[in-house]
C-alpha atoms as a PDB file:
ATOM      1  CA  UNK A   1      48.543  74.283-133.614  1.00  0.00           C
ATOM      2  CA  UNK A   2      49.301  73.908-129.896  1.00  0.00           C
ATOM      3  CA  UNK A   3      53.015  74.420-129.263  1.00  0.00           C
ATOM      4  CA  UNK A   4      54.803  72.211-126.710  1.00  0.00           C
ATOM      5  CA  UNK A   5      58.274  72.974-125.372  1.00  0.00           C
ATOM      6  CA  UNK A   6      59.982  70.137-123.499  1.00  0.00           C
ATOM      7  CA  UNK A   7      62.508  71.795-121.184  1.00  0.00           C
ATOM      8  CA  UNK A   8      65.536  69.580-120.443  1.00  0.00           C
ATOM      9  CA  UNK A   9      68.181  70.317-117.828  1.00  0.00           C
ATOM     10  CA  UNK A  10      71.353  68.460-116.868  1.00  0.00           C
ATOM     11  CA  UNK A  11      70.707  65.013-115.348  1.00  0.00           C
ATOM     12  CA  UNK A  12      67.326  64.790-117.079  1.00  0.00           C
ATOM     13  CA  UNK A  13      65.696  61.363-116.680  1.00  0.00           C
ATOM     14  CA  UNK A  14      65.617  59.889-120.220  1.00  0.00           C
ATOM     15  CA  UNK A  15      62.357  57.996-119.661  1.00  0.00           C
ATOM     16  CA  UNK A  16      60.596  61.140-118.442  1.00  0.00           C
ATOM     17  CA  UNK A  17      61.900  63.052-121.442  1.00  0.00           C
ATOM     18  CA  UNK A  18      60.801  60.323-123.855  1.00  0.00           C
ATOM     19  CA  UNK A  19      57.272  60.292-122.429  1.00  0.00           C
ATOM     20  CA  UNK A  20      56.976  64.075-122.519  1.00  0.00           C
ATOM     21  CA  UNK A  21      58.124  64.216-126.134  1.00  0.00           C
ATOM     22  CA  UNK A  22      56.496  61.125-127.602  1.00  0.00           C
ATOM     23  CA  UNK A  23      52.940  61.451-126.287  1.00  0.00           C
ATOM     24  CA  UNK A  24      52.484  64.881-127.813  1.00  0.00           C
ATOM     25  CA  UNK A  25      54.341  63.939-130.998  1.00  0.00           C
ATOM     26  CA  UNK A  26      51.976  60.967-131.452  1.00  0.00           C
ATOM     27  CA  UNK A  27      48.751  62.918-130.947  1.00  0.00           C
ATOM     28  CA  UNK A  28      46.619  63.439-134.044  1.00  0.00           C
ATOM     29  CA  UNK A  29      43.451  65.463-134.448  1.00  0.00           C
ATOM     30  CA  UNK A  30      40.246  63.908-135.751  1.00  0.00           C
ATOM     31  CA  UNK A  31      41.187  64.805-139.336  1.00  0.00           C
ATOM     32  CA  UNK A  32      44.576  63.096-138.951  1.00  0.00           C
ATOM     33  CA  UNK A  33      46.649  66.277-138.714  1.00  0.00           C
ATOM     34  CA  UNK A  34      49.258  66.771-136.002  1.00  0.00           C
ATOM     35  CA  UNK A  35      47.818  68.031-132.738  1.00  0.00           C
ATOM     36  CA  UNK A  36      51.048  69.522-131.402  1.00  0.00           C
ATOM     37  CA  UNK A  37      54.243  71.124-132.573  1.00  0.00           C
ATOM     38  CA  UNK A  38      56.846  69.731-130.159  1.00  0.00           C
ATOM     39  CA  UNK A  39      60.278  71.290-129.603  1.00  0.00           C
ATOM     40  CA  UNK A  40      63.057  70.487-127.141  1.00  0.00           C
ATOM     41  CA  UNK A  41      64.668  73.409-125.319  1.00  0.00           C
ATOM     42  CA  UNK A  42      67.468  73.792-122.807  1.00  0.00           C
ATOM     43  CA  UNK A  43      69.706  76.392-121.128  1.00  0.00           C
ATOM     44  CA  UNK A  44      72.583  75.055-123.274  1.00  0.00           C
ATOM     45  CA  UNK A  45      72.762  73.148-126.531  1.00  0.00           C
ATOM     46  CA  UNK A  46      74.505  70.168-124.865  1.00  0.00           C
ATOM     47  CA  UNK A  47      72.590  68.601-121.973  1.00  0.00           C
ATOM     48  CA  UNK A  48      74.236  65.868-119.929  1.00  0.00           C
ATOM     49  CA  UNK A  49      72.407  62.796-118.666  1.00  0.00           C
ATOM     50  CA  UNK A  50      73.782  60.029-116.456  1.00  0.00           C
ATOM     51  CA  UNK A  51      74.894  57.990-119.490  1.00  0.00           C
ATOM     52  CA  UNK A  52      74.964  60.222-122.565  1.00  0.00           C
ATOM     53  CA  UNK A  53      74.831  63.782-123.843  1.00  0.00           C
ATOM     54  CA  UNK A  54      71.870  65.332-125.686  1.00  0.00           C
ATOM     55  CA  UNK A  55      72.204  67.929-128.408  1.00  0.00           C
ATOM     56  CA  UNK A  56      69.298  70.343-127.987  1.00  0.00           C
ATOM     57  CA  UNK A  57      68.234  72.476-130.944  1.00  0.00           C
ATOM     58  CA  UNK A  58      66.597  75.356-129.070  1.00  0.00           C
ATOM     59  CA  UNK A  59      67.508  77.606-126.161  1.00  0.00           C
ATOM     60  CA  UNK A  60      65.395  79.177-123.433  1.00  0.00           C
ATOM     61  CA  UNK A  61      64.358  81.976-125.765  1.00  0.00           C
ATOM     62  CA  UNK A  62      62.158  79.453-127.584  1.00  0.00           C
ATOM     63  CA  UNK A  63      59.983  79.064-124.484  1.00  0.00           C
ATOM     64  CA  UNK A  64      58.357  82.388-125.287  1.00  0.00           C
ATOM     65  CA  UNK A  65      56.564  80.728-128.213  1.00  0.00           C
ATOM     66  CA  UNK A  66      55.188  77.744-126.263  1.00  0.00           C
ATOM     67  CA  UNK A  67      51.591  77.216-125.206  1.00  0.00           C
ATOM     68  CA  UNK A  68      52.696  74.486-122.794  1.00  0.00           C
ATOM     69  CA  UNK A  69      56.098  73.823-121.224  1.00  0.00           C
ATOM     70  CA  UNK A  70      56.752  70.302-119.923  1.00  0.00           C
ATOM     71  CA  UNK A  71      59.626  69.681-117.503  1.00  0.00           C
ATOM     72  CA  UNK A  72      60.816  66.053-117.225  1.00  0.00           C
ATOM     73  CA  UNK A  73      62.356  64.808-113.997  1.00  0.00           C
ATOM     74  CA  UNK A  74      65.984  65.077-112.958  1.00  0.00           C
ATOM     75  CA  UNK A  75      68.235  62.419-111.451  1.00  0.00           C
ATOM     76  CA  UNK A  76      69.319  65.079-108.958  1.00  0.00           C
ATOM     77  CA  UNK A  77      66.210  67.059-107.976  1.00  0.00           C
ATOM     78  CA  UNK A  78      68.186  69.029-105.387  1.00  0.00           C
ATOM     79  CA  UNK A  79      70.561  70.534-107.955  1.00  0.00           C
ATOM     80  CA  UNK A  80      70.374  74.339-108.032  1.00  0.00           C
ATOM     81  CA  UNK A  81      68.069  75.562-110.783  1.00  0.00           C
ATOM     82  CA  UNK A  82      69.824  78.091-113.054  1.00  0.00           C
ATOM     83  CA  UNK A  83      68.429  81.571-112.525  1.00  0.00           C
ATOM     84  CA  UNK A  84      67.871  81.960-116.255  1.00  0.00           C
ATOM     85  CA  UNK A  85      65.588  78.908-116.189  1.00  0.00           C
ATOM     86  CA  UNK A  86      63.539  80.228-113.268  1.00  0.00           C
ATOM     87  CA  UNK A  87      63.162  83.631-114.903  1.00  0.00           C
ATOM     88  CA  UNK A  88      62.118  82.044-118.201  1.00  0.00           C
ATOM     89  CA  UNK A  89      59.489  79.919-116.474  1.00  0.00           C
ATOM     90  CA  UNK A  90      58.167  82.840-114.446  1.00  0.00           C
ATOM     91  CA  UNK A  91      57.935  84.969-117.582  1.00  0.00           C
ATOM     92  CA  UNK A  92      56.161  82.187-119.492  1.00  0.00           C
ATOM     93  CA  UNK A  93      53.680  81.673-116.672  1.00  0.00           C
ATOM     94  CA  UNK A  94      52.932  85.401-116.512  1.00  0.00           C
ATOM     95  CA  UNK A  95      52.153  85.312-120.238  1.00  0.00           C
ATOM     96  CA  UNK A  96      49.620  82.524-119.699  1.00  0.00           C
ATOM     97  CA  UNK A  97      51.732  79.524-120.730  1.00  0.00           C
ATOM     98  CA  UNK A  98      50.651  76.252-119.116  1.00  0.00           C
ATOM     99  CA  UNK A  99      53.404  74.547-117.130  1.00  0.00           C
ATOM    100  CA  UNK A 100      53.642  70.814-116.430  1.00  0.00           C
ATOM    101  CA  UNK A 101      56.191  68.616-114.682  1.00  0.00           C
ATOM    102  CA  UNK A 102      56.905  64.914-114.580  1.00  0.00           C
ATOM    103  CA  UNK A 103      58.243  63.270-111.417  1.00  0.00           C
ATOM    104  CA  UNK A 104      61.105  65.321-109.914  1.00  0.00           C
ATOM    105  CA  UNK A 105      60.649  68.030-112.536  1.00  0.00           C
ATOM    106  CA  UNK A 106      58.345  69.564-109.936  1.00  0.00           C
ATOM    107  CA  UNK A 107      61.428  70.724-108.016  1.00  0.00           C
ATOM    108  CA  UNK A 108      62.277  73.069-110.900  1.00  0.00           C
ATOM    109  CA  UNK A 109      58.839  74.657-110.642  1.00  0.00           C
ATOM    110  CA  UNK A 110      59.070  74.793-106.856  1.00  0.00           C
ATOM    111  CA  UNK A 111      62.478  76.493-106.953  1.00  0.00           C
ATOM    112  CA  UNK A 112      61.028  79.083-109.310  1.00  0.00           C
ATOM    113  CA  UNK A 113      58.332  79.966-106.740  1.00  0.00           C
ATOM    114  CA  UNK A 114      55.512  78.996-109.073  1.00  0.00           C
ATOM    115  CA  UNK A 115      53.965  76.386-106.796  1.00  0.00           C
ATOM    116  CA  UNK A 116      53.595  78.518-103.688  1.00  0.00           C
ATOM    117  CA  UNK A 117      50.112  78.057-102.253  1.00  0.00           C
ATOM    118  CA  UNK A 118      49.315  75.232-104.679  1.00  0.00           C
ATOM    119  CA  UNK A 119      48.885  71.483-104.564  1.00  0.00           C
ATOM    120  CA  UNK A 120      51.522  69.390-106.322  1.00  0.00           C
ATOM    121  CA  UNK A 121      52.509  65.793-107.007  1.00  0.00           C
ATOM    122  CA  UNK A 122      55.882  64.099-107.353  1.00  0.00           C
ATOM    123  CA  UNK A 123      57.391  60.647-106.966  1.00  0.00           C
ATOM    124  CA  UNK A 124      56.565  59.144-103.591  1.00  0.00           C
ATOM    125  CA  UNK A 125      60.275  58.713-102.778  1.00  0.00           C
ATOM    126  CA  UNK A 126      60.877  62.468-102.722  1.00  0.00           C
ATOM    127  CA  UNK A 127      57.438  63.689-101.625  1.00  0.00           C
ATOM    128  CA  UNK A 128      58.627  64.288 -98.062  1.00  0.00           C
ATOM    129  CA  UNK A 129      61.685  66.163 -99.339  1.00  0.00           C
ATOM    130  CA  UNK A 130      59.506  68.429-101.466  1.00  0.00           C
ATOM    131  CA  UNK A 131      57.224  69.153 -98.515  1.00  0.00           C
ATOM    132  CA  UNK A 132      60.182  69.827 -96.228  1.00  0.00           C
ATOM    133  CA  UNK A 133      62.042  72.126 -98.627  1.00  0.00           C
ATOM    134  CA  UNK A 134      58.929  73.970 -99.785  1.00  0.00           C
ATOM    135  CA  UNK A 135      56.414  74.047 -96.891  1.00  0.00           C
ATOM    136  CA  UNK A 136      54.259  76.529 -98.799  1.00  0.00           C
ATOM    137  CA  UNK A 137      53.331  73.728-101.237  1.00  0.00           C
ATOM    138  CA  UNK A 138      50.632  71.180-100.398  1.00  0.00           C
ATOM    139  CA  UNK A 139      52.233  67.926-101.516  1.00  0.00           C
ATOM    140  CA  UNK A 140      49.859  65.124-102.578  1.00  0.00           C
ATOM    141  CA  UNK A 141      51.986  61.968-102.124  1.00  0.00           C
ATOM    142  CA  UNK A 142      49.496  59.348-103.321  1.00  0.00           C
ATOM    143  CA  UNK A 143      48.008  60.737-106.525  1.00  0.00           C
ATOM    144  CA  UNK A 144      49.096  60.198-110.136  1.00  0.00           C
ATOM    145  CA  UNK A 145      48.901  63.881-111.008  1.00  0.00           C
ATOM    146  CA  UNK A 146      47.487  67.188-109.784  1.00  0.00           C
ATOM    147  CA  UNK A 147      45.780  69.566-112.212  1.00  0.00           C
ATOM    148  CA  UNK A 148      45.759  73.118-110.900  1.00  0.00           C
ATOM    149  CA  UNK A 149      44.672  74.570-114.218  1.00  0.00           C
ATOM    150  CA  UNK A 150      47.670  76.555-115.378  1.00  0.00           C
ATOM    151  CA  UNK A 151      50.142  74.240-113.627  1.00  0.00           C
ATOM    152  CA  UNK A 152      49.945  70.439-113.721  1.00  0.00           C
ATOM    153  CA  UNK A 153      52.326  68.124-111.851  1.00  0.00           C
ATOM    154  CA  UNK A 154      52.671  64.352-111.906  1.00  0.00           C
ATOM    155  CA  UNK A 155      54.275  61.544-109.970  1.00  0.00           C
ATOM    156  CA  UNK A 156      56.842  59.102-111.436  1.00  0.00           C
ATOM    157  CA  UNK A 157      57.408  58.402-115.137  1.00  0.00           C
ATOM    158  CA  UNK A 158      54.331  56.219-115.665  1.00  0.00           C
ATOM    159  CA  UNK A 159      52.205  58.874-114.028  1.00  0.00           C
ATOM    160  CA  UNK A 160      53.756  61.359-116.438  1.00  0.00           C
ATOM    161  CA  UNK A 161      52.154  59.352-119.226  1.00  0.00           C
ATOM    162  CA  UNK A 162      48.786  59.653-117.481  1.00  0.00           C
ATOM    163  CA  UNK A 163      49.284  63.392-117.094  1.00  0.00           C
ATOM    164  CA  UNK A 164      50.265  63.930-120.736  1.00  0.00           C
ATOM    165  CA  UNK A 165      47.203  62.018-121.938  1.00  0.00           C
ATOM    166  CA  UNK A 166      45.118  64.112-119.553  1.00  0.00           C
ATOM    167  CA  UNK A 167      46.510  67.274-121.146  1.00  0.00           C
ATOM    168  CA  UNK A 168      45.697  65.946-124.621  1.00  0.00           C
ATOM    169  CA  UNK A 169      42.155  65.345-123.388  1.00  0.00           C
ATOM    170  CA  UNK A 170      41.960  68.889-122.031  1.00  0.00           C
ATOM    171  CA  UNK A 171      43.159  70.314-125.334  1.00  0.00           C
ATOM    172  CA  UNK A 172      41.380  68.130-127.896  1.00  0.00           C
ATOM    173  CA  UNK A 173      38.801  65.974-126.122  1.00  0.00           C
ATOM    174  CA  UNK A 174      38.253  62.340-125.224  1.00  0.00           C
ATOM    175  CA  UNK A 175      38.410  60.872-128.733  1.00  0.00           C
ATOM    176  CA  UNK A 176      41.804  62.385-129.600  1.00  0.00           C
ATOM    177  CA  UNK A 177      43.219  61.463-126.197  1.00  0.00           C
ATOM    178  CA  UNK A 178      41.889  57.903-126.442  1.00  0.00           C
ATOM    179  CA  UNK A 179      43.441  57.490-129.889  1.00  0.00           C
ATOM    180  CA  UNK A 180      46.753  58.852-128.584  1.00  0.00           C
ATOM    181  CA  UNK A 181      46.592  56.323-125.735  1.00  0.00           C
ATOM    182  CA  UNK A 182      46.024  53.535-128.257  1.00  0.00           C
ATOM    183  CA  UNK A 183      49.024  54.665-130.308  1.00  0.00           C
ATOM    184  CA  UNK A 184      51.116  54.690-127.129  1.00  0.00           C
ATOM    185  CA  UNK A 185      49.668  51.270-126.153  1.00  0.00           C
ATOM    186  CA  UNK A 186      48.592  52.735-122.824  1.00  0.00           C
ATOM    187  CA  UNK A 187      45.332  52.905-120.854  1.00  0.00           C
ATOM    188  CA  UNK A 188      43.488  56.194-121.205  1.00  0.00           C
ATOM    189  CA  UNK A 189      42.773  56.360-117.480  1.00  0.00           C
ATOM    190  CA  UNK A 190      44.093  54.283-114.631  1.00  0.00           C
ATOM    191  CA  UNK A 191      42.269  54.018-111.334  1.00  0.00           C
ATOM    192  CA  UNK A 192      44.187  54.715-108.174  1.00  0.00           C
ATOM    193  CA  UNK A 193      47.373  56.494-107.254  1.00  0.00           C
ATOM    194  CA  UNK A 194      50.844  55.890-105.925  1.00  0.00           C
ATOM    195  CA  UNK A 195      49.556  54.319-102.731  1.00  0.00           C
ATOM    196  CA  UNK A 196      49.463  50.940-104.438  1.00  0.00           C
ATOM    197  CA  UNK A 197      52.293  51.846-106.887  1.00  0.00           C
ATOM    198  CA  UNK A 198      50.047  52.582-109.842  1.00  0.00           C
ATOM    199  CA  UNK A 199      47.330  50.195-110.852  1.00  0.00           C
ATOM    200  CA  UNK A 200      48.482  47.350-113.071  1.00  0.00           C
ATOM    201  CA  UNK A 201      45.892  44.692-112.475  1.00  0.00           C
ATOM    202  CA  UNK A 202      43.593  44.365-109.521  1.00  0.00           C
ATOM    203  CA  UNK A 203      44.748  41.356-107.502  1.00  0.00           C
ATOM    204  CA  UNK A 204      43.224  37.965-108.218  1.00  0.00           C
ATOM    205  CA  UNK A 205      42.196  36.930-104.748  1.00  0.00           C
ATOM    206  CA  UNK A 206      39.021  36.322-102.766  1.00  0.00           C
ATOM    207  CA  UNK A 207      39.095  40.010-101.765  1.00  0.00           C
ATOM    208  CA  UNK A 208      39.665  41.368-105.281  1.00  0.00           C
ATOM    209  CA  UNK A 209      37.076  43.870-106.492  1.00  0.00           C
ATOM    210  CA  UNK A 210      37.899  43.373-110.181  1.00  0.00           C
ATOM    211  CA  UNK A 211      34.583  41.761-111.082  1.00  0.00           C
ATOM    212  CA  UNK A 212      32.622  44.395-109.161  1.00  0.00           C
ATOM    213  CA  UNK A 213      34.430  47.235-110.944  1.00  0.00           C
ATOM    214  CA  UNK A 214      33.819  45.617-114.327  1.00  0.00           C
ATOM    215  CA  UNK A 215      30.152  45.254-113.398  1.00  0.00           C
ATOM    216  CA  UNK A 216      30.009  48.899-112.311  1.00  0.00           C
ATOM    217  CA  UNK A 217      31.350  50.073-115.681  1.00  0.00           C
ATOM    218  CA  UNK A 218      28.398  48.297-117.326  1.00  0.00           C
ATOM    219  CA  UNK A 219      25.840  49.686-114.857  1.00  0.00           C
ATOM    220  CA  UNK A 220      26.815  53.326-114.410  1.00  0.00           C
ATOM    221  CA  UNK A 221      23.229  54.485-114.859  1.00  0.00           C
ATOM    222  CA  UNK A 222      21.998  52.505-111.858  1.00  0.00           C
ATOM    223  CA  UNK A 223      21.717  53.994-108.377  1.00  0.00           C
ATOM    224  CA  UNK A 224      24.706  53.016-106.240  1.00  0.00           C
ATOM    225  CA  UNK A 225      25.627  53.660-102.624  1.00  0.00           C
ATOM    226  CA  UNK A 226      28.484  52.362-100.519  1.00  0.00           C
ATOM    227  CA  UNK A 227      25.985  50.160 -98.676  1.00  0.00           C
ATOM    228  CA  UNK A 228      24.502  48.674-101.862  1.00  0.00           C
ATOM    229  CA  UNK A 229      27.940  48.044-103.350  1.00  0.00           C
ATOM    230  CA  UNK A 230      29.113  46.460-100.102  1.00  0.00           C
ATOM    231  CA  UNK A 231      26.162  44.057-100.279  1.00  0.00           C
ATOM    232  CA  UNK A 232      27.055  43.256-103.900  1.00  0.00           C
ATOM    233  CA  UNK A 233      30.642  42.531-102.779  1.00  0.00           C
ATOM    234  CA  UNK A 234      29.420  40.516 -99.785  1.00  0.00           C
ATOM    235  CA  UNK A 235      31.283  42.735 -97.338  1.00  0.00           C
ATOM    236  CA  UNK A 236      30.411  45.128 -94.576  1.00  0.00           C
ATOM    237  CA  UNK A 237      30.289  48.784 -95.723  1.00  0.00           C
ATOM    238  CA  UNK A 238      33.357  49.638 -93.675  1.00  0.00           C
ATOM    239  CA  UNK A 239      35.412  46.722 -95.017  1.00  0.00           C
ATOM    240  CA  UNK A 240      34.254  47.406 -98.569  1.00  0.00           C
ATOM    241  CA  UNK A 241      35.175  51.099 -98.400  1.00  0.00           C
ATOM    242  CA  UNK A 242      38.627  50.238 -97.059  1.00  0.00           C
ATOM    243  CA  UNK A 243      39.269  47.519 -99.678  1.00  0.00           C
ATOM    244  CA  UNK A 244      38.049  49.772-102.498  1.00  0.00           C
ATOM    245  CA  UNK A 245      40.401  52.546-101.389  1.00  0.00           C
ATOM    246  CA  UNK A 246      43.310  50.101-101.150  1.00  0.00           C
ATOM    247  CA  UNK A 247      42.721  48.609-104.598  1.00  0.00           C
ATOM    248  CA  UNK A 248      41.798  51.741-106.576  1.00  0.00           C
ATOM    249  CA  UNK A 249      43.355  54.586-104.589  1.00  0.00           C
ATOM    250  CA  UNK A 250      40.047  56.452-104.332  1.00  0.00           C
ATOM    251  CA  UNK A 251      36.623  56.208-102.714  1.00  0.00           C
ATOM    252  CA  UNK A 252      33.727  54.330-104.347  1.00  0.00           C
ATOM    253  CA  UNK A 253      31.707  57.508-104.896  1.00  0.00           C
ATOM    254  CA  UNK A 254      34.636  59.443-106.368  1.00  0.00           C
ATOM    255  CA  UNK A 255      35.393  56.499-108.677  1.00  0.00           C
ATOM    256  CA  UNK A 256      31.775  56.493-109.809  1.00  0.00           C
ATOM    257  CA  UNK A 257      31.841  60.223-110.515  1.00  0.00           C
ATOM    258  CA  UNK A 258      35.018  59.912-112.608  1.00  0.00           C
ATOM    259  CA  UNK A 259      33.649  56.923-114.537  1.00  0.00           C
ATOM    260  CA  UNK A 260      30.351  58.692-115.211  1.00  0.00           C
ATOM    261  CA  UNK A 261      32.113  61.844-116.402  1.00  0.00           C
ATOM    262  CA  UNK A 262      34.219  59.730-118.780  1.00  0.00           C
ATOM    263  CA  UNK A 263      31.098  58.018-120.134  1.00  0.00           C
ATOM    264  CA  UNK A 264      29.455  61.428-120.626  1.00  0.00           C
ATOM    265  CA  UNK A 265      32.504  62.704-122.521  1.00  0.00           C
ATOM    266  CA  UNK A 266      32.268  59.767-124.915  1.00  0.00           C
ATOM    267  CA  UNK A 267      28.564  60.269-125.508  1.00  0.00           C
ATOM    268  CA  UNK A 268      28.927  64.008-126.050  1.00  0.00           C
ATOM    269  CA  UNK A 269      31.720  63.477-128.563  1.00  0.00           C
ATOM    270  CA  UNK A 270      30.423  60.444-130.428  1.00  0.00           C
ATOM    271  CA  UNK A 271      26.615  60.668-130.347  1.00  0.00           C
ATOM    272  CA  UNK A 272      23.819  63.125-130.989  1.00  0.00           C
ATOM    273  CA  UNK A 273      21.939  62.227-127.820  1.00  0.00           C
ATOM    274  CA  UNK A 274      20.301  65.080-125.964  1.00  0.00           C
ATOM    275  CA  UNK A 275      21.804  66.378-122.732  1.00  0.00           C
ATOM    276  CA  UNK A 276      18.965  64.706-120.790  1.00  0.00           C
ATOM    277  CA  UNK A 277      19.671  61.354-122.478  1.00  0.00           C
ATOM    278  CA  UNK A 278      23.404  61.735-121.902  1.00  0.00           C
ATOM    279  CA  UNK A 279      22.790  62.500-118.239  1.00  0.00           C
ATOM    280  CA  UNK A 280      20.631  59.381-117.845  1.00  0.00           C
ATOM    281  CA  UNK A 281      22.982  57.009-119.670  1.00  0.00           C
ATOM    282  CA  UNK A 282      25.953  58.350-117.730  1.00  0.00           C
ATOM    283  CA  UNK A 283      24.272  57.661-114.408  1.00  0.00           C
ATOM    284  CA  UNK A 284      23.424  61.168-113.241  1.00  0.00           C
ATOM    285  CA  UNK A 285      20.088  61.562-111.544  1.00  0.00           C
ATOM    286  CA  UNK A 286      19.060  64.639-113.486  1.00  0.00           C
ATOM    287  CA  UNK A 287      20.292  66.929-116.233  1.00  0.00           C
ATOM    288  CA  UNK A 288      20.691  69.692-113.652  1.00  0.00           C
ATOM    289  CA  UNK A 289      22.984  67.546-111.499  1.00  0.00           C
ATOM    290  CA  UNK A 290      24.833  66.393-114.607  1.00  0.00           C
ATOM    291  CA  UNK A 291      25.481  69.921-115.856  1.00  0.00           C
ATOM    292  CA  UNK A 292      26.723  71.077-112.461  1.00  0.00           C
ATOM    293  CA  UNK A 293      29.107  68.175-111.851  1.00  0.00           C
ATOM    294  CA  UNK A 294      30.333  68.011-115.435  1.00  0.00           C
ATOM    295  CA  UNK A 295      31.251  71.686-115.401  1.00  0.00           C
ATOM    296  CA  UNK A 296      32.937  71.399-112.014  1.00  0.00           C
ATOM    297  CA  UNK A 297      35.126  68.484-113.155  1.00  0.00           C
ATOM    298  CA  UNK A 298      35.744  69.349-116.825  1.00  0.00           C
ATOM    299  CA  UNK A 299      35.592  73.138-116.701  1.00  0.00           C
ATOM    300  CA  UNK A 300      33.047  73.339-119.544  1.00  0.00           C
ATOM    301  CA  UNK A 301      29.309  72.868-119.725  1.00  0.00           C
ATOM    302  CA  UNK A 302      28.162  69.708-121.577  1.00  0.00           C
ATOM    303  CA  UNK A 303      26.949  71.881-124.475  1.00  0.00           C
ATOM    304  CA  UNK A 304      30.258  73.748-124.684  1.00  0.00           C
ATOM    305  CA  UNK A 305      32.154  70.461-124.513  1.00  0.00           C
ATOM    306  CA  UNK A 306      30.128  68.967-127.367  1.00  0.00           C
ATOM    307  CA  UNK A 307      30.554  72.103-129.474  1.00  0.00           C
ATOM    308  CA  UNK A 308      34.325  71.943-128.988  1.00  0.00           C
ATOM    309  CA  UNK A 309      35.011  68.211-129.187  1.00  0.00           C
ATOM    310  CA  UNK A 310      32.213  66.506-131.095  1.00  0.00           C
ATOM    311  CA  UNK A 311      33.462  64.257-133.895  1.00  0.00           C
ATOM    312  CA  UNK A 312      30.711  65.727-136.077  1.00  0.00           C
ATOM    313  CA  UNK A 313      32.310  69.179-135.991  1.00  0.00           C
END
C-alpha cells in the first residue's frame, strides 16, 4: 500500500491539512480496499495552529517510511524552517520519496533547496515573494499545480485538492481518482488556473463560452482549429483565443489536448477498444500521434497504462 506522510509544522493552515489528509484517506482501490496508509508527522508531538493545538502521533523519523510526503501550507510562510525538517526532506528525496506541497507549504521545500532549478506553484498572493526570495525557482503564478515528477506543488487550498486528486490518478488511474473525487464531492479536473481565481462556473453572459466547451466535450473526435472554433463562437480568432484564455486559463489547443487525454484514459481503463479505436474516439488523428502525446503527458504508453489501470485487471 502507498504510504502518505502529512508533515505539519507550527502555524499549519487547518484547511490545507484537512485536504491533504482526507483525500488520501478517502481513496479506495477498484476492489474497495484502502489505496493509502496516511500518517501525520511533525518535528514535535504538539503542533500549534492559529486557534488550537494538534497532537501529532509521529515524529520526523516516520518520514523514512513514506512513499509520498505532503506539506500543507503555513500561516507564516516566512518562518524559519527547522534544520531537522530540511534534512529529513532532503534525505527522503534522495531515497526517491515523492514530495508535494499545498499553497505556502512550497516555502518549506524552497528553504530546503529542493526546488532549485525547478518550476513551482503557490498561492498568487505570495508568488512574488517566493520568486524574490528564491530566484533560482521558476514560479508559475497562474496555474493550479505544477507536476515536476518527484516534486509536485500547488496553489491555494482548493488547488491542493486538485493536486491530491492528480496524485491519486498518477498512482491508481482515472477510475480510482474519479471515485475519490465523487466521495469528496469535487470535480475530477477543473479548467483554468489562478488567473480567474479557480474555475467555479463559466460566466453566464453573451461572451460566455460555456455552451461551446460543453459542445467540445461531446465532439472531441472532430477536427478543431482556433479558426473553426472562433467561427462556431461567432468571434474573430484573436478575440476567441483571448476570451478562451480568460475563461479557462489555458489555450484552446491545450484544453483540447487535456480533454482528449482524459477521454483516452477513461476508454483505456473501462473498455476493451483497440488502441486505434481509442485514438479515434479520443480525437487524435492517428494511433502514432496518440501514442506519442499520451506518453508525453501521462508518462506511460497507452498499452502500459491499460495494463496498469484497466478495471478488468
